[in-house]
Amino acid sequence: MNDRRHKSSISLWIILATILTGSFSGGTGEMALPVEDQIPLMLKILSYDKSLMAHPDSIVVGVLYQDRFRQSLVTKDKAVDILNTFTTLSGHSLITVPVSIDNSIPFSQELKEKHVSVLYVTPLRSYSLSNITEFSRTEQIVTLTGVPQYLKSGLSVSLDSKGGKPHILINLNASLIEGARFHSQLLKLAQIIDSSDG
């Protein structure tokens, strides 16, 4: 439990030091970084969302995936396992729920029922991301993904790798529409990405 609390309390300057020294491992495929490197940094990014931190309730992270696409399923399993090691985020109780887009129940209904406030989107195959962004913007759910290209389609936050070092990517327009209000300190460190519909 002490190890979990230590991980959850990692400060931004420690993460930045990691970025500058390039000690993250490289990723393969559509994702620029492996899931185990993404999740701790993404949680720290969320702690700089002033709107989310002002939320009085628990923070529920939905992990959206496809049962029929192996890469998506494997990414979901890793993300859920890692997220479950974090019980709090900046004093808020942290809850993780996997949500499949292949279920007979619409994913939007399940996200509403589970009161999801943050959505991590795994790699998806032959699926229109507009289905996700239309819902996330209406319901004010900030979106995260390990696939940098998805920011061009209107998701909000991702991570890239350049020269073996991770870079924070933020589609600022999309994040604002989703209700996120990232601290200026974070925005100065991030690469701002534009999207046609953001």
N, C-alpha and C. Protein backbone atom coordinates (compact mmCIF):
# COMPACT_ATOMS: atom_id res chain seq x y z
N MET A 1 0.83 -1.21 0.00
CA MET A 1 0.00 0.00 0.00
C MET A 1 0.86 1.25 0.00
N ASN A 2 2.00 1.21 0.74
CA ASN A 2 2.89 2.38 0.76
C ASN A 2 3.43 2.67 -0.63
N ASP A 3 3.75 1.59 -1.39
CA ASP A 3 4.25 1.78 -2.74
C ASP A 3 3.21 2.44 -3.61
N ARG A 4 1.94 2.02 -3.45
CA ARG A 4 0.87 2.61 -4.24
C ARG A 4 0.71 4.09 -3.92
N ARG A 5 0.76 4.42 -2.64
CA ARG A 5 0.62 5.82 -2.25
C ARG A 5 1.80 6.64 -2.79
N HIS A 6 2.97 6.02 -2.77
CA HIS A 6 4.13 6.73 -3.30
C HIS A 6 3.97 7.02 -4.79
N LYS A 7 3.49 6.02 -5.53
CA LYS A 7 3.28 6.22 -6.96
C LYS A 7 2.24 7.30 -7.21
N SER A 8 1.18 7.29 -6.41
CA SER A 8 0.10 8.24 -6.62
C SER A 8 0.51 9.66 -6.30
N SER A 9 1.55 9.83 -5.50
CA SER A 9 1.94 11.17 -5.07
C SER A 9 3.15 11.71 -5.84
N ILE A 10 3.48 11.04 -6.97
CA ILE A 10 4.60 11.53 -7.79
C ILE A 10 4.32 12.95 -8.24
N SER A 11 5.24 13.85 -8.02
CA SER A 11 5.02 15.25 -8.38
C SER A 11 5.42 15.49 -9.84
N LEU A 12 4.92 16.60 -10.38
CA LEU A 12 5.17 16.90 -11.79
C LEU A 12 6.64 17.06 -12.09
N TRP A 13 7.39 17.61 -11.13
CA TRP A 13 8.81 17.84 -11.43
C TRP A 13 9.57 16.54 -11.56
N ILE A 14 9.15 15.49 -10.88
CA ILE A 14 9.80 14.19 -11.02
C ILE A 14 9.53 13.63 -12.42
N ILE A 15 8.28 13.75 -12.87
CA ILE A 15 7.92 13.28 -14.20
C ILE A 15 8.68 14.06 -15.26
N LEU A 16 8.79 15.37 -15.05
CA LEU A 16 9.52 16.20 -16.02
C LEU A 16 10.99 15.80 -16.07
N ALA A 17 11.55 15.46 -14.93
CA ALA A 17 12.93 15.01 -14.91
C ALA A 17 13.08 13.72 -15.71
N THR A 18 12.08 12.85 -15.60
CA THR A 18 12.09 11.61 -16.36
C THR A 18 12.03 11.90 -17.85
N ILE A 19 11.18 12.88 -18.22
CA ILE A 19 11.08 13.25 -19.62
C ILE A 19 12.41 13.78 -20.14
N LEU A 20 13.05 14.63 -19.37
CA LEU A 20 14.29 15.25 -19.83
C LEU A 20 15.43 14.25 -19.94
N THR A 21 15.41 13.22 -19.09
CA THR A 21 16.48 12.23 -19.16
C THR A 21 16.15 11.11 -20.13
N GLY A 22 14.89 11.09 -20.61
CA GLY A 22 14.52 10.10 -21.61
C GLY A 22 14.52 8.68 -21.07
N SER A 23 14.14 8.49 -19.79
CA SER A 23 14.22 7.17 -19.19
C SER A 23 12.98 6.32 -19.40
N PHE A 24 11.99 6.83 -20.11
CA PHE A 24 10.84 6.02 -20.48
C PHE A 24 11.26 5.04 -21.58
N SER A 25 10.61 3.86 -21.60
CA SER A 25 10.88 2.91 -22.66
C SER A 25 10.06 3.24 -23.89
N GLY A 26 10.53 2.83 -25.07
CA GLY A 26 9.84 3.15 -26.31
C GLY A 26 8.66 2.25 -26.55
N GLY A 27 7.72 2.69 -27.38
CA GLY A 27 6.54 1.89 -27.67
C GLY A 27 6.57 1.39 -29.10
N THR A 28 5.61 0.54 -29.44
CA THR A 28 5.52 -0.01 -30.78
C THR A 28 4.10 0.14 -31.28
N GLY A 29 3.90 -0.06 -32.59
CA GLY A 29 2.56 -0.02 -33.15
C GLY A 29 2.00 1.38 -33.17
N GLU A 30 0.67 1.47 -33.06
CA GLU A 30 0.00 2.76 -33.12
C GLU A 30 0.30 3.63 -31.91
N MET A 31 0.58 3.01 -30.78
CA MET A 31 0.84 3.79 -29.57
C MET A 31 2.32 4.14 -29.51
N ALA A 32 2.61 5.38 -29.14
CA ALA A 32 3.99 5.84 -29.10
C ALA A 32 4.72 5.36 -27.87
N LEU A 33 3.99 5.08 -26.79
CA LEU A 33 4.57 4.62 -25.53
C LEU A 33 3.81 3.40 -25.03
N PRO A 34 4.47 2.49 -24.34
CA PRO A 34 3.75 1.36 -23.76
C PRO A 34 2.82 1.84 -22.65
N VAL A 35 1.80 1.05 -22.39
CA VAL A 35 0.76 1.45 -21.44
C VAL A 35 1.34 1.74 -20.05
N GLU A 36 2.30 0.94 -19.62
CA GLU A 36 2.85 1.14 -18.28
C GLU A 36 3.56 2.47 -18.14
N ASP A 37 3.98 3.07 -19.24
CA ASP A 37 4.58 4.40 -19.19
C ASP A 37 3.52 5.50 -19.32
N GLN A 38 2.46 5.19 -20.06
CA GLN A 38 1.41 6.19 -20.28
C GLN A 38 0.64 6.56 -19.01
N ILE A 39 0.16 5.54 -18.32
CA ILE A 39 -0.84 5.75 -17.27
C ILE A 39 -0.37 6.69 -16.15
N PRO A 40 0.81 6.48 -15.55
CA PRO A 40 1.22 7.40 -14.48
C PRO A 40 1.30 8.85 -14.94
N LEU A 41 1.82 9.07 -16.15
CA LEU A 41 1.93 10.43 -16.66
C LEU A 41 0.56 11.02 -16.96
N MET A 42 -0.34 10.20 -17.52
CA MET A 42 -1.68 10.70 -17.82
C MET A 42 -2.44 11.08 -16.54
N LEU A 43 -2.25 10.31 -15.50
CA LEU A 43 -2.89 10.66 -14.23
C LEU A 43 -2.36 11.98 -13.70
N LYS A 44 -1.06 12.19 -13.87
CA LYS A 44 -0.49 13.46 -13.42
C LYS A 44 -1.02 14.62 -14.25
N ILE A 45 -1.20 14.39 -15.55
CA ILE A 45 -1.79 15.40 -16.42
C ILE A 45 -3.20 15.75 -15.93
N LEU A 46 -3.97 14.73 -15.58
CA LEU A 46 -5.33 14.96 -15.09
C LEU A 46 -5.35 15.80 -13.82
N SER A 47 -4.33 15.65 -13.00
CA SER A 47 -4.28 16.43 -11.75
C SER A 47 -4.11 17.92 -12.02
N TYR A 48 -3.77 18.28 -13.26
CA TYR A 48 -3.65 19.68 -13.64
C TYR A 48 -4.87 20.18 -14.42
N ASP A 49 -5.94 19.40 -14.37
CA ASP A 49 -7.21 19.84 -14.92
C ASP A 49 -8.02 20.45 -13.78
N LYS A 50 -8.10 21.76 -13.78
CA LYS A 50 -8.74 22.47 -12.68
C LYS A 50 -10.22 22.12 -12.54
N SER A 51 -10.89 21.88 -13.66
CA SER A 51 -12.31 21.51 -13.60
C SER A 51 -12.50 20.14 -12.95
N LEU A 52 -11.67 19.19 -13.36
CA LEU A 52 -11.78 17.84 -12.81
C LEU A 52 -11.44 17.83 -11.32
N MET A 53 -10.43 18.59 -10.94
CA MET A 53 -10.03 18.61 -9.53
C MET A 53 -11.06 19.31 -8.65
N ALA A 54 -11.91 20.13 -9.27
CA ALA A 54 -12.97 20.79 -8.50
C ALA A 54 -14.20 19.90 -8.35
N HIS A 55 -14.21 18.77 -9.03
CA HIS A 55 -15.34 17.85 -8.98
C HIS A 55 -15.45 17.27 -7.57
N PRO A 56 -16.62 17.31 -6.94
CA PRO A 56 -16.76 16.87 -5.56
C PRO A 56 -16.78 15.36 -5.38
N ASP A 57 -17.05 14.62 -6.45
CA ASP A 57 -17.22 13.18 -6.33
C ASP A 57 -15.96 12.41 -6.71
N SER A 58 -16.08 11.10 -6.70
CA SER A 58 -14.98 10.25 -7.13
C SER A 58 -14.71 10.47 -8.62
N ILE A 59 -13.48 10.24 -9.01
CA ILE A 59 -13.12 10.32 -10.43
C ILE A 59 -13.20 8.91 -11.00
N VAL A 60 -14.09 8.73 -11.96
CA VAL A 60 -14.27 7.41 -12.57
C VAL A 60 -13.64 7.43 -13.96
N VAL A 61 -12.65 6.57 -14.16
CA VAL A 61 -11.95 6.48 -15.44
C VAL A 61 -12.51 5.29 -16.21
N GLY A 62 -13.11 5.57 -17.35
CA GLY A 62 -13.58 4.50 -18.22
C GLY A 62 -12.49 4.14 -19.21
N VAL A 63 -12.31 2.85 -19.46
CA VAL A 63 -11.34 2.37 -20.44
C VAL A 63 -12.14 1.76 -21.59
N LEU A 64 -12.17 2.46 -22.72
CA LEU A 64 -13.00 2.06 -23.85
C LEU A 64 -12.19 1.17 -24.80
N TYR A 65 -12.76 0.02 -25.15
CA TYR A 65 -12.01 -0.95 -25.95
C TYR A 65 -12.93 -1.78 -26.83
N GLN A 66 -12.31 -2.56 -27.73
CA GLN A 66 -13.03 -3.50 -28.60
C GLN A 66 -12.65 -4.93 -28.24
N ASP A 67 -13.65 -5.73 -27.92
CA ASP A 67 -13.40 -7.15 -27.61
C ASP A 67 -12.80 -7.89 -28.80
N ARG A 68 -13.19 -7.52 -29.99
CA ARG A 68 -12.83 -8.28 -31.18
C ARG A 68 -11.50 -7.85 -31.81
N PHE A 69 -10.84 -6.87 -31.22
CA PHE A 69 -9.56 -6.39 -31.72
C PHE A 69 -8.50 -6.64 -30.65
N ARG A 70 -7.60 -7.57 -30.92
CA ARG A 70 -6.67 -8.03 -29.89
C ARG A 70 -5.85 -6.90 -29.28
N GLN A 71 -5.32 -6.01 -30.12
CA GLN A 71 -4.50 -4.92 -29.59
C GLN A 71 -5.30 -4.07 -28.61
N SER A 72 -6.55 -3.83 -28.93
CA SER A 72 -7.42 -3.06 -28.05
C SER A 72 -7.66 -3.79 -26.74
N LEU A 73 -7.94 -5.09 -26.84
CA LEU A 73 -8.22 -5.90 -25.66
C LEU A 73 -7.01 -5.99 -24.74
N VAL A 74 -5.84 -6.21 -25.32
CA VAL A 74 -4.61 -6.29 -24.52
C VAL A 74 -4.30 -4.96 -23.86
N THR A 75 -4.48 -3.87 -24.60
CA THR A 75 -4.25 -2.54 -24.04
C THR A 75 -5.20 -2.27 -22.88
N LYS A 76 -6.45 -2.66 -23.05
CA LYS A 76 -7.43 -2.48 -21.97
C LYS A 76 -7.00 -3.24 -20.71
N ASP A 77 -6.61 -4.48 -20.87
CA ASP A 77 -6.21 -5.29 -19.71
C ASP A 77 -5.04 -4.65 -18.97
N LYS A 78 -4.04 -4.17 -19.72
CA LYS A 78 -2.88 -3.54 -19.09
C LYS A 78 -3.28 -2.24 -18.40
N ALA A 79 -4.09 -1.44 -19.09
CA ALA A 79 -4.49 -0.14 -18.53
C ALA A 79 -5.29 -0.32 -17.24
N VAL A 80 -6.22 -1.25 -17.25
CA VAL A 80 -7.04 -1.49 -16.06
C VAL A 80 -6.18 -1.99 -14.90
N ASP A 81 -5.27 -2.91 -15.19
CA ASP A 81 -4.38 -3.43 -14.13
C ASP A 81 -3.57 -2.31 -13.50
N ILE A 82 -3.03 -1.43 -14.34
CA ILE A 82 -2.19 -0.34 -13.82
C ILE A 82 -3.05 0.69 -13.08
N LEU A 83 -4.16 1.07 -13.66
CA LEU A 83 -5.03 2.05 -13.01
C LEU A 83 -5.53 1.56 -11.66
N ASN A 84 -5.73 0.28 -11.52
CA ASN A 84 -6.22 -0.27 -10.26
C ASN A 84 -5.18 -0.21 -9.14
N THR A 85 -3.92 0.08 -9.49
CA THR A 85 -2.91 0.26 -8.45
C THR A 85 -2.96 1.67 -7.85
N PHE A 86 -3.73 2.54 -8.48
CA PHE A 86 -3.90 3.92 -7.98
C PHE A 86 -5.30 4.04 -7.36
N THR A 87 -5.36 4.30 -6.09
CA THR A 87 -6.65 4.40 -5.41
C THR A 87 -7.14 5.84 -5.29
N THR A 88 -6.24 6.79 -5.42
CA THR A 88 -6.63 8.20 -5.30
C THR A 88 -5.90 9.02 -6.35
N LEU A 89 -6.46 10.19 -6.64
CA LEU A 89 -5.83 11.17 -7.52
C LEU A 89 -6.06 12.55 -6.92
N SER A 90 -5.00 13.12 -6.39
CA SER A 90 -5.06 14.46 -5.76
C SER A 90 -6.20 14.55 -4.75
N GLY A 91 -6.32 13.52 -3.92
CA GLY A 91 -7.32 13.53 -2.86
C GLY A 91 -8.67 12.99 -3.26
N HIS A 92 -8.87 12.71 -4.53
CA HIS A 92 -10.12 12.14 -5.02
C HIS A 92 -10.00 10.62 -5.10
N SER A 93 -11.06 9.93 -4.73
CA SER A 93 -11.11 8.49 -4.92
C SER A 93 -11.11 8.18 -6.41
N LEU A 94 -10.29 7.21 -6.81
CA LEU A 94 -10.14 6.88 -8.22
C LEU A 94 -10.72 5.50 -8.49
N ILE A 95 -11.64 5.44 -9.43
CA ILE A 95 -12.31 4.19 -9.78
C ILE A 95 -12.11 3.93 -11.27
N THR A 96 -11.82 2.69 -11.64
CA THR A 96 -11.61 2.33 -13.04
C THR A 96 -12.65 1.33 -13.50
N VAL A 97 -13.25 1.60 -14.67
CA VAL A 97 -14.25 0.68 -15.22
C VAL A 97 -13.97 0.44 -16.70
N PRO A 98 -13.82 -0.83 -17.12
CA PRO A 98 -13.68 -1.13 -18.54
C PRO A 98 -15.04 -1.09 -19.23
N VAL A 99 -15.07 -0.55 -20.45
CA VAL A 99 -16.32 -0.44 -21.20
C VAL A 99 -16.04 -0.87 -22.64
N SER A 100 -16.76 -1.88 -23.11
CA SER A 100 -16.58 -2.37 -24.47
C SER A 100 -17.55 -1.71 -25.43
N ILE A 101 -17.06 -1.35 -26.61
CA ILE A 101 -17.96 -0.79 -27.62
C ILE A 101 -18.63 -1.89 -28.43
N ASP A 102 -18.27 -3.15 -28.14
CA ASP A 102 -18.85 -4.28 -28.85
C ASP A 102 -20.07 -4.88 -28.15
N ASN A 103 -20.39 -4.37 -26.98
CA ASN A 103 -21.54 -4.89 -26.24
C ASN A 103 -22.84 -4.50 -26.91
N SER A 104 -23.89 -5.25 -26.60
CA SER A 104 -25.21 -4.91 -27.13
C SER A 104 -25.72 -3.61 -26.52
N ILE A 105 -25.28 -3.31 -25.30
CA ILE A 105 -25.63 -2.05 -24.64
C ILE A 105 -24.74 -0.95 -25.21
N PRO A 106 -25.29 0.17 -25.66
CA PRO A 106 -24.46 1.27 -26.19
C PRO A 106 -23.43 1.73 -25.16
N PHE A 107 -22.21 1.97 -25.61
CA PHE A 107 -21.17 2.38 -24.67
C PHE A 107 -21.56 3.68 -23.97
N SER A 108 -22.28 4.56 -24.65
CA SER A 108 -22.68 5.83 -24.05
C SER A 108 -23.59 5.60 -22.85
N GLN A 109 -24.47 4.63 -22.96
CA GLN A 109 -25.37 4.32 -21.84
C GLN A 109 -24.58 3.79 -20.65
N GLU A 110 -23.61 2.93 -20.93
CA GLU A 110 -22.81 2.35 -19.85
C GLU A 110 -21.94 3.42 -19.18
N LEU A 111 -21.39 4.31 -19.97
CA LEU A 111 -20.57 5.38 -19.39
C LEU A 111 -21.40 6.29 -18.50
N LYS A 112 -22.63 6.57 -18.92
CA LYS A 112 -23.53 7.39 -18.09
C LYS A 112 -23.88 6.68 -16.80
N GLU A 113 -24.23 5.41 -16.91
CA GLU A 113 -24.65 4.65 -15.73
C GLU A 113 -23.52 4.52 -14.71
N LYS A 114 -22.28 4.48 -15.20
CA LYS A 114 -21.14 4.33 -14.31
C LYS A 114 -20.51 5.66 -13.93
N HIS A 115 -21.14 6.76 -14.37
CA HIS A 115 -20.71 8.12 -14.01
C HIS A 115 -19.24 8.38 -14.36
N VAL A 116 -18.87 7.96 -15.55
CA VAL A 116 -17.48 8.14 -16.00
C VAL A 116 -17.20 9.62 -16.25
N SER A 117 -16.08 10.10 -15.73
CA SER A 117 -15.69 11.50 -15.89
C SER A 117 -14.42 11.66 -16.73
N VAL A 118 -13.69 10.55 -16.94
CA VAL A 118 -12.50 10.54 -17.78
C VAL A 118 -12.56 9.28 -18.63
N LEU A 119 -12.18 9.40 -19.91
CA LEU A 119 -12.26 8.24 -20.80
C LEU A 119 -10.91 8.00 -21.47
N TYR A 120 -10.34 6.83 -21.21
CA TYR A 120 -9.11 6.40 -21.88
C TYR A 120 -9.51 5.52 -23.06
N VAL A 121 -9.12 5.94 -24.26
CA VAL A 121 -9.51 5.24 -25.48
C VAL A 121 -8.33 4.40 -25.98
N THR A 122 -8.53 3.09 -26.04
CA THR A 122 -7.50 2.18 -26.53
C THR A 122 -7.44 2.24 -28.06
N PRO A 123 -6.45 1.61 -28.68
CA PRO A 123 -6.43 1.53 -30.15
C PRO A 123 -7.70 0.82 -30.65
N LEU A 124 -8.33 1.39 -31.64
CA LEU A 124 -9.57 0.85 -32.18
C LEU A 124 -9.40 0.56 -33.67
N ARG A 125 -10.17 -0.39 -34.17
CA ARG A 125 -10.09 -0.76 -35.58
C ARG A 125 -11.43 -0.52 -36.26
N SER A 126 -11.39 0.19 -37.40
CA SER A 126 -12.58 0.43 -38.22
C SER A 126 -13.73 1.00 -37.38
N TYR A 127 -13.41 2.05 -36.64
CA TYR A 127 -14.42 2.65 -35.78
C TYR A 127 -14.32 4.17 -35.89
N SER A 128 -15.45 4.83 -36.04
CA SER A 128 -15.46 6.28 -36.16
C SER A 128 -15.32 6.95 -34.79
N LEU A 129 -14.25 7.69 -34.62
CA LEU A 129 -14.02 8.36 -33.35
C LEU A 129 -15.04 9.46 -33.07
N SER A 130 -15.75 9.89 -34.11
CA SER A 130 -16.78 10.91 -33.90
C SER A 130 -17.89 10.40 -32.99
N ASN A 131 -18.09 9.08 -32.96
CA ASN A 131 -19.07 8.50 -32.03
C ASN A 131 -18.66 8.77 -30.58
N ILE A 132 -17.36 8.78 -30.36
CA ILE A 132 -16.83 9.03 -29.01
C ILE A 132 -16.82 10.51 -28.69
N THR A 133 -16.31 11.32 -29.62
CA THR A 133 -16.17 12.75 -29.32
C THR A 133 -17.52 13.45 -29.19
N GLU A 134 -18.50 13.02 -29.95
CA GLU A 134 -19.83 13.63 -29.81
C GLU A 134 -20.37 13.41 -28.40
N PHE A 135 -20.14 12.22 -27.89
CA PHE A 135 -20.61 11.90 -26.54
C PHE A 135 -19.77 12.60 -25.48
N SER A 136 -18.44 12.55 -25.61
CA SER A 136 -17.56 13.13 -24.60
C SER A 136 -17.77 14.63 -24.47
N ARG A 137 -18.06 15.28 -25.58
CA ARG A 137 -18.26 16.73 -25.54
C ARG A 137 -19.61 17.09 -24.93
N THR A 138 -20.61 16.31 -25.25
CA THR A 138 -21.94 16.55 -24.68
C THR A 138 -21.94 16.32 -23.18
N GLU A 139 -21.26 15.26 -22.75
CA GLU A 139 -21.28 14.86 -21.34
C GLU A 139 -20.12 15.44 -20.54
N GLN A 140 -19.25 16.22 -21.19
CA GLN A 140 -18.10 16.84 -20.52
C GLN A 140 -17.19 15.79 -19.89
N ILE A 141 -16.74 14.86 -20.71
CA ILE A 141 -15.83 13.81 -20.29
C ILE A 141 -14.51 14.00 -21.02
N VAL A 142 -13.45 14.22 -20.29
CA VAL A 142 -12.15 14.45 -20.92
C VAL A 142 -11.60 13.13 -21.44
N THR A 143 -11.06 13.16 -22.67
CA THR A 143 -10.58 11.94 -23.31
C THR A 143 -9.06 11.86 -23.34
N LEU A 144 -8.55 10.66 -23.09
CA LEU A 144 -7.13 10.35 -23.14
C LEU A 144 -6.93 9.19 -24.10
N THR A 145 -5.77 9.11 -24.71
CA THR A 145 -5.46 7.99 -25.58
C THR A 145 -3.96 7.85 -25.74
N GLY A 146 -3.52 6.61 -25.94
CA GLY A 146 -2.11 6.37 -26.22
C GLY A 146 -1.77 6.49 -27.69
N VAL A 147 -2.77 6.77 -28.52
CA VAL A 147 -2.57 6.86 -29.97
C VAL A 147 -2.56 8.34 -30.36
N PRO A 148 -1.38 8.92 -30.61
CA PRO A 148 -1.30 10.35 -30.90
C PRO A 148 -2.17 10.80 -32.06
N GLN A 149 -2.32 9.95 -33.09
CA GLN A 149 -3.09 10.33 -34.27
C GLN A 149 -4.56 10.63 -33.93
N TYR A 150 -5.05 10.06 -32.84
CA TYR A 150 -6.45 10.25 -32.48
C TYR A 150 -6.77 11.69 -32.10
N LEU A 151 -5.75 12.46 -31.74
CA LEU A 151 -6.00 13.86 -31.41
C LEU A 151 -6.44 14.64 -32.63
N LYS A 152 -6.02 14.23 -33.81
CA LYS A 152 -6.46 14.88 -35.04
C LYS A 152 -7.94 14.65 -35.30
N SER A 153 -8.48 13.61 -34.68
CA SER A 153 -9.91 13.29 -34.82
C SER A 153 -10.74 13.84 -33.67
N GLY A 154 -10.10 14.60 -32.76
CA GLY A 154 -10.86 15.30 -31.75
C GLY A 154 -10.76 14.80 -30.33
N LEU A 155 -9.91 13.79 -30.05
CA LEU A 155 -9.67 13.43 -28.66
C LEU A 155 -8.73 14.47 -28.05
N SER A 156 -8.62 14.49 -26.74
CA SER A 156 -7.98 15.63 -26.07
C SER A 156 -6.51 15.48 -25.71
N VAL A 157 -6.14 14.34 -25.13
CA VAL A 157 -4.79 14.22 -24.57
C VAL A 157 -4.13 12.92 -25.02
N SER A 158 -2.86 13.01 -25.42
CA SER A 158 -2.10 11.81 -25.76
C SER A 158 -0.63 12.05 -25.42
N LEU A 159 0.16 11.04 -25.70
CA LEU A 159 1.60 11.11 -25.48
C LEU A 159 2.31 10.62 -26.73
N ASP A 160 3.39 11.30 -27.08
CA ASP A 160 4.19 10.89 -28.22
C ASP A 160 5.60 10.61 -27.73
N SER A 161 6.41 10.02 -28.59
CA SER A 161 7.80 9.74 -28.25
C SER A 161 8.69 10.27 -29.37
N LYS A 162 9.62 11.13 -28.99
CA LYS A 162 10.57 11.69 -29.95
C LYS A 162 11.97 11.55 -29.38
N GLY A 163 12.81 10.85 -30.12
CA GLY A 163 14.17 10.64 -29.64
C GLY A 163 14.22 9.86 -28.35
N GLY A 164 13.23 8.97 -28.16
CA GLY A 164 13.20 8.16 -26.95
C GLY A 164 12.63 8.87 -25.74
N LYS A 165 12.14 10.10 -25.93
CA LYS A 165 11.58 10.87 -24.81
C LYS A 165 10.09 11.12 -25.04
N PRO A 166 9.28 11.00 -23.99
CA PRO A 166 7.84 11.24 -24.15
C PRO A 166 7.52 12.72 -24.23
N HIS A 167 6.51 13.05 -25.00
CA HIS A 167 6.03 14.41 -25.13
C HIS A 167 4.53 14.43 -24.87
N ILE A 168 4.09 15.42 -24.12
CA ILE A 168 2.66 15.59 -23.85
C ILE A 168 2.01 16.29 -25.03
N LEU A 169 0.94 15.72 -25.53
CA LEU A 169 0.18 16.31 -26.63
C LEU A 169 -1.22 16.65 -26.15
N ILE A 170 -1.67 17.87 -26.43
CA ILE A 170 -3.01 18.28 -26.03
C ILE A 170 -3.71 18.97 -27.19
N ASN A 171 -4.86 18.46 -27.54
CA ASN A 171 -5.75 19.15 -28.48
C ASN A 171 -6.54 20.13 -27.62
N LEU A 172 -6.06 21.35 -27.57
CA LEU A 172 -6.59 22.32 -26.61
C LEU A 172 -8.06 22.65 -26.88
N ASN A 173 -8.41 22.86 -28.15
CA ASN A 173 -9.81 23.17 -28.46
C ASN A 173 -10.73 22.03 -28.04
N ALA A 174 -10.31 20.80 -28.35
CA ALA A 174 -11.13 19.64 -27.98
C ALA A 174 -11.26 19.53 -26.47
N SER A 175 -10.17 19.74 -25.75
CA SER A 175 -10.21 19.62 -24.29
C SER A 175 -11.13 20.67 -23.67
N LEU A 176 -11.13 21.87 -24.23
CA LEU A 176 -12.01 22.92 -23.71
C LEU A 176 -13.48 22.56 -23.92
N ILE A 177 -13.78 22.00 -25.10
CA ILE A 177 -15.16 21.59 -25.37
C ILE A 177 -15.59 20.47 -24.43
N GLU A 178 -14.63 19.61 -24.06
CA GLU A 178 -14.94 18.52 -23.13
C GLU A 178 -14.99 18.99 -21.68
N GLY A 179 -14.72 20.26 -21.46
CA GLY A 179 -14.84 20.82 -20.12
C GLY A 179 -13.56 20.87 -19.33
N ALA A 180 -12.44 20.41 -19.90
CA ALA A 180 -11.17 20.45 -19.19
C ALA A 180 -10.62 21.88 -19.14
N ARG A 181 -9.96 22.20 -18.07
CA ARG A 181 -9.30 23.50 -17.93
C ARG A 181 -7.90 23.24 -17.37
N PHE A 182 -6.97 22.97 -18.29
CA PHE A 182 -5.63 22.61 -17.86
C PHE A 182 -4.85 23.83 -17.39
N HIS A 183 -4.10 23.61 -16.34
CA HIS A 183 -3.28 24.68 -15.76
C HIS A 183 -2.25 25.17 -16.79
N SER A 184 -1.99 26.45 -16.76
CA SER A 184 -1.04 27.04 -17.72
C SER A 184 0.35 26.42 -17.59
N GLN A 185 0.70 25.98 -16.39
CA GLN A 185 2.00 25.35 -16.18
C GLN A 185 2.13 24.08 -17.02
N LEU A 186 1.03 23.33 -17.13
CA LEU A 186 1.04 22.13 -17.95
C LEU A 186 1.06 22.48 -19.44
N LEU A 187 0.26 23.47 -19.82
CA LEU A 187 0.17 23.83 -21.24
C LEU A 187 1.51 24.32 -21.79
N LYS A 188 2.31 24.93 -20.95
CA LYS A 188 3.63 25.38 -21.39
C LYS A 188 4.54 24.21 -21.73
N LEU A 189 4.28 23.06 -21.12
CA LEU A 189 5.11 21.88 -21.34
C LEU A 189 4.61 21.02 -22.49
N ALA A 190 3.37 21.25 -22.90
CA ALA A 190 2.73 20.38 -23.89
C ALA A 190 2.88 20.92 -25.30
N GLN A 191 2.76 20.01 -26.26
CA GLN A 191 2.65 20.40 -27.66
C GLN A 191 1.17 20.48 -27.98
N ILE A 192 0.72 21.65 -28.45
CA ILE A 192 -0.69 21.87 -28.74
C ILE A 192 -0.99 21.37 -30.14
N ILE A 193 -2.00 20.51 -30.24
CA ILE A 193 -2.38 19.89 -31.50
C ILE A 193 -3.70 20.46 -31.96
N ASP A 194 -3.80 20.76 -33.25
CA ASP A 194 -5.06 21.21 -33.83
C ASP A 194 -5.79 20.03 -34.46
N SER A 195 -7.11 20.14 -34.54
CA SER A 195 -7.89 19.14 -35.27
C SER A 195 -8.93 19.86 -36.08
N SER A 196 -9.36 19.23 -37.14
CA SER A 196 -10.31 19.87 -38.05
C SER A 196 -11.64 20.13 -37.38
N ASP A 197 -12.01 19.24 -36.42
CA ASP A 197 -13.32 19.43 -35.77
C ASP A 197 -13.16 19.85 -34.33
N GLY A 198 -11.93 20.13 -33.89
CA GLY A 198 -11.74 20.52 -32.51
C GLY A 198 -12.05 21.96 -32.28
